[in-house]
Amino acid sequence: MSDVFTHPVSVRYLEVDAQGVVFNSWYLAYFDDAMTAFLSARGLPYRAMLGAGYDVQLVRSEIDWRSGVGWQDAIEVAVSTARIGRTSFALDFEVRRDGSEVTCSGRTVYVVVATDGSGKQEIPPVIADALGEPAPLRA
């Protein structure tokens, strides 16, 4: 299993602002889509995680921009596991244009919760296995 997963994205017209670049909030949506695709590619479709009684909630996200992405740009979001704790984990993201130019990077921390409403849970094996070994994209 590769440490880094990439998820293709095609920038839609509605995602671009008056400055001609993707509006900042869309990057979190790209990261969210890439996270679910990442887990699925590693054998844990989101519905299966829910069926096992677990969900994840975003508790922190940070994004650093280097350059803008425009309408119809073909980009990909690279994802890797940055850190695994007792009840939370962090994923690193990079938005890449043309397969190599990193236009922004981010890290998001998720906490594992029970779907029955009982709150935060320790990371179960089904999620830990899908996350694999940490391989941060950045220091």
Protein backbone atom coordinates (compact mmCIF):
# COMPACT_ATOMS: atom_id res chain seq x y z
CA MET A 1 0.00 0.00 0.00
CA SER A 2 1.45 3.36 -1.03
CA ASP A 3 1.91 5.92 1.74
CA VAL A 4 0.51 8.74 -0.42
CA PHE A 5 -2.89 8.60 -2.10
CA THR A 6 -3.94 11.07 -4.79
CA HIS A 7 -7.49 12.12 -5.57
CA PRO A 8 -8.22 13.97 -8.85
CA VAL A 9 -10.27 17.18 -8.80
CA SER A 10 -11.55 19.28 -11.68
CA VAL A 11 -12.11 22.88 -10.62
CA ARG A 12 -15.68 23.92 -11.36
CA TYR A 13 -16.76 27.41 -12.42
CA LEU A 14 -18.82 27.89 -9.26
CA GLU A 15 -15.74 27.36 -7.07
CA VAL A 16 -13.85 30.35 -8.48
CA ASP A 17 -14.16 33.80 -6.92
CA ALA A 18 -13.92 37.32 -8.36
CA GLN A 19 -10.11 37.10 -8.22
CA GLY A 20 -10.21 34.18 -10.67
CA VAL A 21 -8.99 31.56 -8.20
CA VAL A 22 -10.67 28.89 -6.11
CA PHE A 23 -12.36 30.47 -3.08
CA ASN A 24 -10.65 29.35 0.13
CA SER A 25 -13.54 27.36 1.63
CA TRP A 26 -13.55 24.93 -1.29
CA TYR A 27 -10.17 23.58 -0.24
CA LEU A 28 -11.74 22.08 2.89
CA ALA A 29 -14.34 20.40 0.68
CA TYR A 30 -11.55 19.04 -1.55
CA PHE A 31 -9.77 17.71 1.55
CA ASP A 32 -12.96 16.10 2.83
CA ASP A 33 -13.62 14.34 -0.49
CA ALA A 34 -9.99 13.22 -0.63
CA MET A 35 -10.15 11.89 2.95
CA THR A 36 -13.12 9.66 2.19
CA ALA A 37 -11.51 8.44 -1.06
CA PHE A 38 -8.25 7.78 0.85
CA LEU A 39 -10.02 5.61 3.43
CA SER A 40 -11.98 3.79 0.73
CA ALA A 41 -8.84 3.06 -1.30
CA ARG A 42 -7.34 1.55 1.84
CA GLY A 43 -10.27 -0.79 2.34
CA LEU A 44 -12.57 1.33 4.51
CA PRO A 45 -15.45 2.90 2.58
CA TYR A 46 -17.09 5.57 4.71
CA ARG A 47 -20.38 3.65 4.91
CA ALA A 48 -18.49 0.61 6.23
CA MET A 49 -16.92 2.77 8.95
CA LEU A 50 -20.38 4.05 9.90
CA GLY A 51 -21.72 0.50 9.81
CA ALA A 52 -19.00 -0.52 12.27
CA GLY A 53 -20.30 2.15 14.65
CA TYR A 54 -17.68 4.85 14.09
CA ASP A 55 -17.47 8.26 12.48
CA VAL A 56 -14.86 11.00 12.46
CA GLN A 57 -15.25 14.69 13.22
CA LEU A 58 -12.93 17.44 12.07
CA VAL A 59 -11.51 19.28 15.10
CA ARG A 60 -8.71 21.34 13.52
CA SER A 61 -7.60 22.27 10.05
CA GLU A 62 -4.84 24.52 8.76
CA ILE A 63 -4.03 25.50 5.19
CA ASP A 64 -1.01 27.26 3.72
CA TRP A 65 -1.39 28.67 0.20
CA ARG A 66 1.44 29.16 -2.29
CA SER A 67 -0.45 29.94 -5.49
CA GLY A 68 -3.99 30.05 -6.80
CA VAL A 69 -5.85 27.40 -8.74
CA GLY A 70 -8.23 28.49 -11.50
CA TRP A 71 -11.30 27.30 -13.34
CA GLN A 72 -10.85 24.01 -15.22
CA ASP A 73 -7.40 23.45 -13.75
CA ALA A 74 -6.81 19.74 -13.37
CA ILE A 75 -5.49 19.22 -9.87
CA GLU A 76 -5.05 16.36 -7.48
CA VAL A 77 -5.17 16.24 -3.73
CA ALA A 78 -2.43 14.11 -2.20
CA VAL A 79 -3.27 12.57 1.17
CA SER A 80 -1.15 10.77 3.74
CA THR A 81 -1.42 9.90 7.40
CA ALA A 82 0.56 12.43 9.42
CA ARG A 83 -0.09 11.25 12.97
CA ILE A 84 -2.11 8.66 14.88
CA GLY A 85 -3.01 9.25 18.51
CA ARG A 86 -5.29 7.47 20.97
CA THR A 87 -8.60 9.03 19.87
CA SER A 88 -7.52 11.30 17.03
CA PHE A 89 -5.44 11.27 13.89
CA ALA A 90 -4.10 13.85 11.46
CA LEU A 91 -3.98 13.71 7.68
CA ASP A 92 -1.71 15.81 5.51
CA PHE A 93 -2.97 17.20 2.20
CA GLU A 94 -1.29 18.81 -0.78
CA VAL A 95 -3.11 20.30 -3.75
CA ARG A 96 -0.94 19.64 -6.78
CA ARG A 97 -1.26 21.10 -10.26
CA ASP A 98 0.22 19.18 -13.19
CA GLY A 99 1.24 16.37 -10.84
CA SER A 100 4.04 18.23 -9.11
CA GLU A 101 3.43 21.95 -8.38
CA VAL A 102 2.16 22.19 -4.80
CA THR A 103 -0.31 25.09 -4.72
CA CYS A 104 -1.28 24.62 -1.07
CA SER A 105 -0.79 22.22 1.80
CA GLY A 106 -2.88 21.46 4.82
CA ARG A 107 -3.25 19.29 7.87
CA THR A 108 -6.54 18.25 9.38
CA VAL A 109 -7.08 16.58 12.75
CA TYR A 110 -10.05 14.25 13.16
CA VAL A 111 -11.40 12.67 16.33
CA VAL A 112 -13.14 9.29 16.27
CA VAL A 113 -16.67 9.28 17.66
CA ALA A 114 -19.31 6.60 18.12
CA THR A 115 -22.33 6.75 15.82
CA ASP A 116 -24.63 6.00 18.76
CA GLY A 117 -23.94 9.45 20.23
CA SER A 118 -21.80 8.21 23.13
CA GLY A 119 -18.92 10.48 22.11
CA LYS A 120 -15.21 10.20 21.54
CA GLN A 121 -13.73 6.72 21.09
CA GLU A 122 -10.28 5.18 20.91
CA ILE A 123 -9.22 4.58 17.32
CA PRO A 124 -10.46 1.07 16.52
CA PRO A 125 -8.39 -1.41 14.46
CA VAL A 126 -10.66 -0.96 11.41
CA ILE A 127 -9.69 2.73 11.20
CA ALA A 128 -6.07 2.25 12.33
CA ASP A 129 -5.55 -0.37 9.62
CA ALA A 130 -6.91 1.96 6.93
CA LEU A 131 -4.70 4.83 8.13
CA GLY A 132 -1.54 2.72 7.98
CA GLU A 133 1.78 3.97 9.25
CA PRO A 134 2.26 7.73 9.49
CA ALA A 135 4.13 9.20 6.52
CA PRO A 136 3.76 13.01 6.80
CA LEU A 137 3.92 15.08 3.62
CA ARG A 138 5.55 17.88 5.61
CA ALA A 139 7.68 18.31 8.71
